[in-house]
Amino acid sequence: MKNSDKKNDLFTNAMSNLMKNKLDVSIDLLNELIDTDSEDKLAFLARGSVYLKMSDTKNAIADFNRVIEIDANHPKAYHLRGLAHEIAGDNDEAILDFNRAIDIDGEYGAAFYSRASLLTKMGQEDSAIEDMKMVNHLSNLNIENFANENNVWRSRQLQLEEAMESEMNR
């Protein structure tokens, strides 16, 4: 088995176990994957997410820090680290991470939502309103993009069906 196949299998099995809520098994598989490739951002991000699900914020933050060491412009790592900081009760660090995720990707709706939620908990509803407006805007944009992509697919499908019908009538 090639190394890339083994890595893919480990990751797939880790995610499968995560979905089955077998968190310890998922961690073991991700540990094995990280042992084979200490630069695998996705493996660290996944393991950090599993730790976050286990409420192990210390290890989650360490894994998200590792992703950021590998790729300083990884918005999801900042967002997830922000969630870990929030769970750990460090709201100021959480806000900084949400801000950084948004700075990197100005259309990262989940980071806007997380920041709005935390700002509301912190009693800063006015600031949260602006973020919720952005979440609403991004949601509408995503729906519109999906509808447009679906319309393009339908149009292409109709063209294909017409071409097939035309060929069959020859």
C-alpha atoms as a PDB file:
ATOM      1  CA  MET A   1       0.000   0.000   0.000  1.00  0.00           C
ATOM      2  CA  LYS A   2       1.344   3.412  -0.955  1.00  0.00           C
ATOM      3  CA  ASN A   3       1.935   5.961   1.790  1.00  0.00           C
ATOM      4  CA  SER A   4      -0.741   8.298   0.358  1.00  0.00           C
ATOM      5  CA  ASP A   5      -3.268   5.431   0.328  1.00  0.00           C
ATOM      6  CA  LYS A   6      -2.437   4.617   3.946  1.00  0.00           C
ATOM      7  CA  LYS A   7      -2.832   8.273   4.923  1.00  0.00           C
ATOM      8  CA  ASN A   8      -6.188   8.483   3.131  1.00  0.00           C
ATOM      9  CA  ASP A   9      -7.389   5.291   4.808  1.00  0.00           C
ATOM     10  CA  LEU A  10      -6.313   6.516   8.250  1.00  0.00           C
ATOM     11  CA  PHE A  11      -8.068   9.843   7.741  1.00  0.00           C
ATOM     12  CA  THR A  12     -11.238   8.250   6.374  1.00  0.00           C
ATOM     13  CA  ASN A  13     -11.373   5.776   9.252  1.00  0.00           C
ATOM     14  CA  ALA A  14     -10.729   8.553  11.772  1.00  0.00           C
ATOM     15  CA  MET A  15     -13.605  10.617  10.380  1.00  0.00           C
ATOM     16  CA  SER A  16     -15.872   7.574  10.258  1.00  0.00           C
ATOM     17  CA  ASN A  17     -15.173   6.889  13.927  1.00  0.00           C
ATOM     18  CA  LEU A  18     -15.764  10.540  14.749  1.00  0.00           C
ATOM     19  CA  MET A  19     -19.202  10.304  13.128  1.00  0.00           C
ATOM     20  CA  LYS A  20     -19.909   7.161  15.182  1.00  0.00           C
ATOM     21  CA  ASN A  21     -18.849   9.128  18.282  1.00  0.00           C
ATOM     22  CA  LYS A  22     -15.911   6.760  18.849  1.00  0.00           C
ATOM     23  CA  LEU A  23     -13.705   9.683  19.762  1.00  0.00           C
ATOM     24  CA  ASP A  24     -10.828   7.747  21.339  1.00  0.00           C
ATOM     25  CA  VAL A  25     -10.518   5.558  18.235  1.00  0.00           C
ATOM     26  CA  SER A  26     -10.581   8.650  16.046  1.00  0.00           C
ATOM     27  CA  ILE A  27      -7.809  10.243  18.126  1.00  0.00           C
ATOM     28  CA  ASP A  28      -5.682   7.068  17.872  1.00  0.00           C
ATOM     29  CA  LEU A  29      -6.037   6.984  14.087  1.00  0.00           C
ATOM     30  CA  LEU A  30      -5.234  10.693  13.777  1.00  0.00           C
ATOM     31  CA  ASN A  31      -2.200  10.213  16.039  1.00  0.00           C
ATOM     32  CA  GLU A  32      -0.989   7.485  13.695  1.00  0.00           C
ATOM     33  CA  LEU A  33      -1.545   9.764  10.706  1.00  0.00           C
ATOM     34  CA  ILE A  34       0.321  12.635  12.359  1.00  0.00           C
ATOM     35  CA  ASP A  35       3.175  10.247  13.203  1.00  0.00           C
ATOM     36  CA  THR A  36       3.526   9.539   9.472  1.00  0.00           C
ATOM     37  CA  ASP A  37       3.299  13.221   8.461  1.00  0.00           C
ATOM     38  CA  SER A  38       3.963  15.927  11.032  1.00  0.00           C
ATOM     39  CA  GLU A  39       3.025  18.639   8.509  1.00  0.00           C
ATOM     40  CA  ASP A  40      -0.492  17.350   7.735  1.00  0.00           C
ATOM     41  CA  LYS A  41      -2.674  20.404   8.459  1.00  0.00           C
ATOM     42  CA  LEU A  42      -5.898  18.498   7.939  1.00  0.00           C
ATOM     43  CA  ALA A  43      -4.909  15.795  10.423  1.00  0.00           C
ATOM     44  CA  PHE A  44      -4.092  18.377  13.109  1.00  0.00           C
ATOM     45  CA  LEU A  45      -7.277  20.301  12.329  1.00  0.00           C
ATOM     46  CA  ALA A  46      -9.323  17.099  12.574  1.00  0.00           C
ATOM     47  CA  ARG A  47      -7.655  15.946  15.778  1.00  0.00           C
ATOM     48  CA  GLY A  48      -8.143  19.388  17.300  1.00  0.00           C
ATOM     49  CA  SER A  49     -11.812  19.197  16.345  1.00  0.00           C
ATOM     50  CA  VAL A  50     -12.135  15.808  18.032  1.00  0.00           C
ATOM     51  CA  TYR A  51     -10.449  17.183  21.153  1.00  0.00           C
ATOM     52  CA  LEU A  52     -12.855  20.130  21.011  1.00  0.00           C
ATOM     53  CA  LYS A  53     -15.786  17.721  20.847  1.00  0.00           C
ATOM     54  CA  MET A  54     -14.317  15.984  23.915  1.00  0.00           C
ATOM     55  CA  SER A  55     -14.111  19.416  25.666  1.00  0.00           C
ATOM     56  CA  ASP A  56     -10.336  18.985  25.882  1.00  0.00           C
ATOM     57  CA  THR A  57      -9.629  22.625  25.046  1.00  0.00           C
ATOM     58  CA  LYS A  58      -5.933  22.462  25.982  1.00  0.00           C
ATOM     59  CA  ASN A  59      -5.132  19.787  23.391  1.00  0.00           C
ATOM     60  CA  ALA A  60      -7.543  21.311  20.869  1.00  0.00           C
ATOM     61  CA  ILE A  61      -5.793  24.685  21.111  1.00  0.00           C
ATOM     62  CA  ALA A  62      -2.380  22.995  20.783  1.00  0.00           C
ATOM     63  CA  ASP A  63      -3.485  21.285  17.551  1.00  0.00           C
ATOM     64  CA  PHE A  64      -4.988  24.459  16.113  1.00  0.00           C
ATOM     65  CA  ASN A  65      -1.757  26.273  17.026  1.00  0.00           C
ATOM     66  CA  ARG A  66       0.147  23.622  15.048  1.00  0.00           C
ATOM     67  CA  VAL A  67      -2.062  24.216  11.993  1.00  0.00           C
ATOM     68  CA  ILE A  68      -1.374  27.952  12.293  1.00  0.00           C
ATOM     69  CA  GLU A  69       2.384  27.258  12.564  1.00  0.00           C
ATOM     70  CA  ILE A  70       2.167  25.300   9.310  1.00  0.00           C
ATOM     71  CA  ASP A  71      -0.171  27.803   7.601  1.00  0.00           C
ATOM     72  CA  ALA A  72      -0.559  31.209   9.258  1.00  0.00           C
ATOM     73  CA  ASN A  73      -3.475  32.064   6.960  1.00  0.00           C
ATOM     74  CA  HIS A  74      -5.772  29.143   7.735  1.00  0.00           C
ATOM     75  CA  PRO A  75      -9.098  30.763   8.720  1.00  0.00           C
ATOM     76  CA  LYS A  76     -10.711  27.568   9.981  1.00  0.00           C
ATOM     77  CA  ALA A  77      -7.847  26.964  12.434  1.00  0.00           C
ATOM     78  CA  TYR A  78      -8.350  30.451  13.886  1.00  0.00           C
ATOM     79  CA  HIS A  79     -12.113  29.976  14.041  1.00  0.00           C
ATOM     80  CA  LEU A  80     -11.883  26.603  15.769  1.00  0.00           C
ATOM     81  CA  ARG A  81      -9.203  27.859  18.143  1.00  0.00           C
ATOM     82  CA  GLY A  82     -11.551  30.734  18.939  1.00  0.00           C
ATOM     83  CA  LEU A  83     -14.303  28.255  19.797  1.00  0.00           C
ATOM     84  CA  ALA A  84     -11.874  26.391  22.062  1.00  0.00           C
ATOM     85  CA  HIS A  85     -10.893  29.642  23.789  1.00  0.00           C
ATOM     86  CA  GLU A  86     -14.574  30.494  24.249  1.00  0.00           C
ATOM     87  CA  ILE A  87     -15.290  27.093  25.827  1.00  0.00           C
ATOM     88  CA  ALA A  88     -12.249  27.579  28.070  1.00  0.00           C
ATOM     89  CA  GLY A  89     -13.698  30.935  29.186  1.00  0.00           C
ATOM     90  CA  ASP A  90     -11.114  33.127  27.457  1.00  0.00           C
ATOM     91  CA  ASN A  91     -13.496  35.390  25.552  1.00  0.00           C
ATOM     92  CA  ASP A  92     -10.879  37.997  24.639  1.00  0.00           C
ATOM     93  CA  GLU A  93      -8.687  35.408  22.897  1.00  0.00           C
ATOM     94  CA  ALA A  94     -11.767  33.936  21.230  1.00  0.00           C
ATOM     95  CA  ILE A  95     -12.731  37.324  19.775  1.00  0.00           C
ATOM     96  CA  LEU A  96      -9.166  37.852  18.512  1.00  0.00           C
ATOM     97  CA  ASP A  97      -9.260  34.480  16.756  1.00  0.00           C
ATOM     98  CA  PHE A  98     -12.699  35.105  15.235  1.00  0.00           C
ATOM     99  CA  ASN A  99     -11.438  38.499  14.029  1.00  0.00           C
ATOM    100  CA  ARG A 100      -8.363  36.889  12.464  1.00  0.00           C
ATOM    101  CA  ALA A 101     -10.454  34.236  10.702  1.00  0.00           C
ATOM    102  CA  ILE A 102     -12.677  36.986   9.274  1.00  0.00           C
ATOM    103  CA  ASP A 103      -9.655  39.089   8.263  1.00  0.00           C
ATOM    104  CA  ILE A 104      -8.306  36.115   6.295  1.00  0.00           C
ATOM    105  CA  ASP A 105     -11.654  35.203   4.742  1.00  0.00           C
ATOM    106  CA  GLY A 106     -14.200  38.015   4.712  1.00  0.00           C
ATOM    107  CA  GLU A 107     -16.923  35.588   3.644  1.00  0.00           C
ATOM    108  CA  TYR A 108     -16.414  33.017   6.407  1.00  0.00           C
ATOM    109  CA  GLY A 109     -19.968  32.991   7.736  1.00  0.00           C
ATOM    110  CA  ALA A 110     -19.312  30.581  10.603  1.00  0.00           C
ATOM    111  CA  ALA A 111     -16.716  32.944  12.085  1.00  0.00           C
ATOM    112  CA  PHE A 112     -19.141  35.888  11.837  1.00  0.00           C
ATOM    113  CA  TYR A 113     -21.806  33.764  13.522  1.00  0.00           C
ATOM    114  CA  SER A 114     -19.465  32.637  16.311  1.00  0.00           C
ATOM    115  CA  ARG A 115     -18.312  36.200  16.932  1.00  0.00           C
ATOM    116  CA  ALA A 116     -21.913  37.458  16.991  1.00  0.00           C
ATOM    117  CA  SER A 117     -22.897  34.736  19.440  1.00  0.00           C
ATOM    118  CA  LEU A 118     -20.000  35.526  21.759  1.00  0.00           C
ATOM    119  CA  LEU A 119     -20.530  39.290  21.525  1.00  0.00           C
ATOM    120  CA  THR A 120     -24.174  38.763  22.489  1.00  0.00           C
ATOM    121  CA  LYS A 121     -23.111  36.674  25.505  1.00  0.00           C
ATOM    122  CA  MET A 122     -20.707  39.474  26.423  1.00  0.00           C
ATOM    123  CA  GLY A 123     -23.532  42.062  26.297  1.00  0.00           C
ATOM    124  CA  GLN A 124     -22.296  43.730  23.111  1.00  0.00           C
ATOM    125  CA  GLU A 125     -25.498  43.330  21.115  1.00  0.00           C
ATOM    126  CA  ASP A 126     -24.850  46.354  18.865  1.00  0.00           C
ATOM    127  CA  SER A 127     -21.651  44.804  17.536  1.00  0.00           C
ATOM    128  CA  ALA A 128     -23.337  41.414  17.253  1.00  0.00           C
ATOM    129  CA  ILE A 129     -26.104  42.879  15.073  1.00  0.00           C
ATOM    130  CA  GLU A 130     -23.597  43.858  12.379  1.00  0.00           C
ATOM    131  CA  ASP A 131     -22.168  40.341  12.369  1.00  0.00           C
ATOM    132  CA  MET A 132     -25.636  38.790  12.143  1.00  0.00           C
ATOM    133  CA  LYS A 133     -26.422  41.050   9.192  1.00  0.00           C
ATOM    134  CA  MET A 134     -23.301  39.681   7.530  1.00  0.00           C
ATOM    135  CA  VAL A 135     -24.317  36.097   8.323  1.00  0.00           C
ATOM    136  CA  ASN A 136     -27.721  36.781   6.763  1.00  0.00           C
ATOM    137  CA  HIS A 137     -26.103  38.376   3.700  1.00  0.00           C
ATOM    138  CA  LEU A 138     -23.699  35.464   3.242  1.00  0.00           C
ATOM    139  CA  SER A 139     -26.513  32.937   3.706  1.00  0.00           C
ATOM    140  CA  ASN A 140     -28.593  34.665   1.038  1.00  0.00           C
ATOM    141  CA  LEU A 141     -25.567  34.831  -1.247  1.00  0.00           C
ATOM    142  CA  ASN A 142     -24.931  31.101  -0.776  1.00  0.00           C
ATOM    143  CA  ILE A 143     -28.569  30.309  -1.543  1.00  0.00           C
ATOM    144  CA  GLU A 144     -28.419  32.502  -4.631  1.00  0.00           C
ATOM    145  CA  ASN A 145     -25.170  30.873  -5.782  1.00  0.00           C
ATOM    146  CA  PHE A 146     -26.656  27.419  -5.233  1.00  0.00           C
ATOM    147  CA  ALA A 147     -29.755  28.374  -7.209  1.00  0.00           C
ATOM    148  CA  ASN A 148     -27.622  29.752 -10.043  1.00  0.00           C
ATOM    149  CA  GLU A 149     -25.457  26.627 -10.132  1.00  0.00           C
ATOM    150  CA  ASN A 150     -28.589  24.480 -10.099  1.00  0.00           C
ATOM    151  CA  ASN A 151     -30.061  26.519 -12.972  1.00  0.00           C
ATOM    152  CA  VAL A 152     -26.851  26.099 -14.992  1.00  0.00           C
ATOM    153  CA  TRP A 153     -26.941  22.350 -14.333  1.00  0.00           C
ATOM    154  CA  ARG A 154     -30.616  22.172 -15.369  1.00  0.00           C
ATOM    155  CA  SER A 155     -29.906  24.158 -18.507  1.00  0.00           C
ATOM    156  CA  ARG A 156     -27.035  21.854 -19.439  1.00  0.00           C
ATOM    157  CA  GLN A 157     -29.145  18.815 -18.630  1.00  0.00           C
ATOM    158  CA  LEU A 158     -31.950  20.068 -20.893  1.00  0.00           C
ATOM    159  CA  GLN A 159     -29.456  20.741 -23.692  1.00  0.00           C
ATOM    160  CA  LEU A 160     -28.097  17.222 -23.297  1.00  0.00           C
ATOM    161  CA  GLU A 161     -31.580  15.714 -23.305  1.00  0.00           C
ATOM    162  CA  GLU A 162     -32.520  17.716 -26.413  1.00  0.00           C
ATOM    163  CA  ALA A 163     -29.338  16.616 -28.172  1.00  0.00           C
ATOM    164  CA  MET A 164     -29.974  12.991 -27.251  1.00  0.00           C
ATOM    165  CA  GLU A 165     -33.583  13.218 -28.424  1.00  0.00           C
ATOM    166  CA  SER A 166     -32.470  14.827 -31.670  1.00  0.00           C
ATOM    167  CA  GLU A 167     -29.934  12.046 -32.236  1.00  0.00           C
ATOM    168  CA  MET A 168     -32.492   9.359 -31.462  1.00  0.00           C
ATOM    169  CA  ASN A 169     -34.959  10.831 -33.971  1.00  0.00           C
ATOM    170  CA  ARG A 170     -32.447  10.649 -36.833  1.00  0.00           C
END
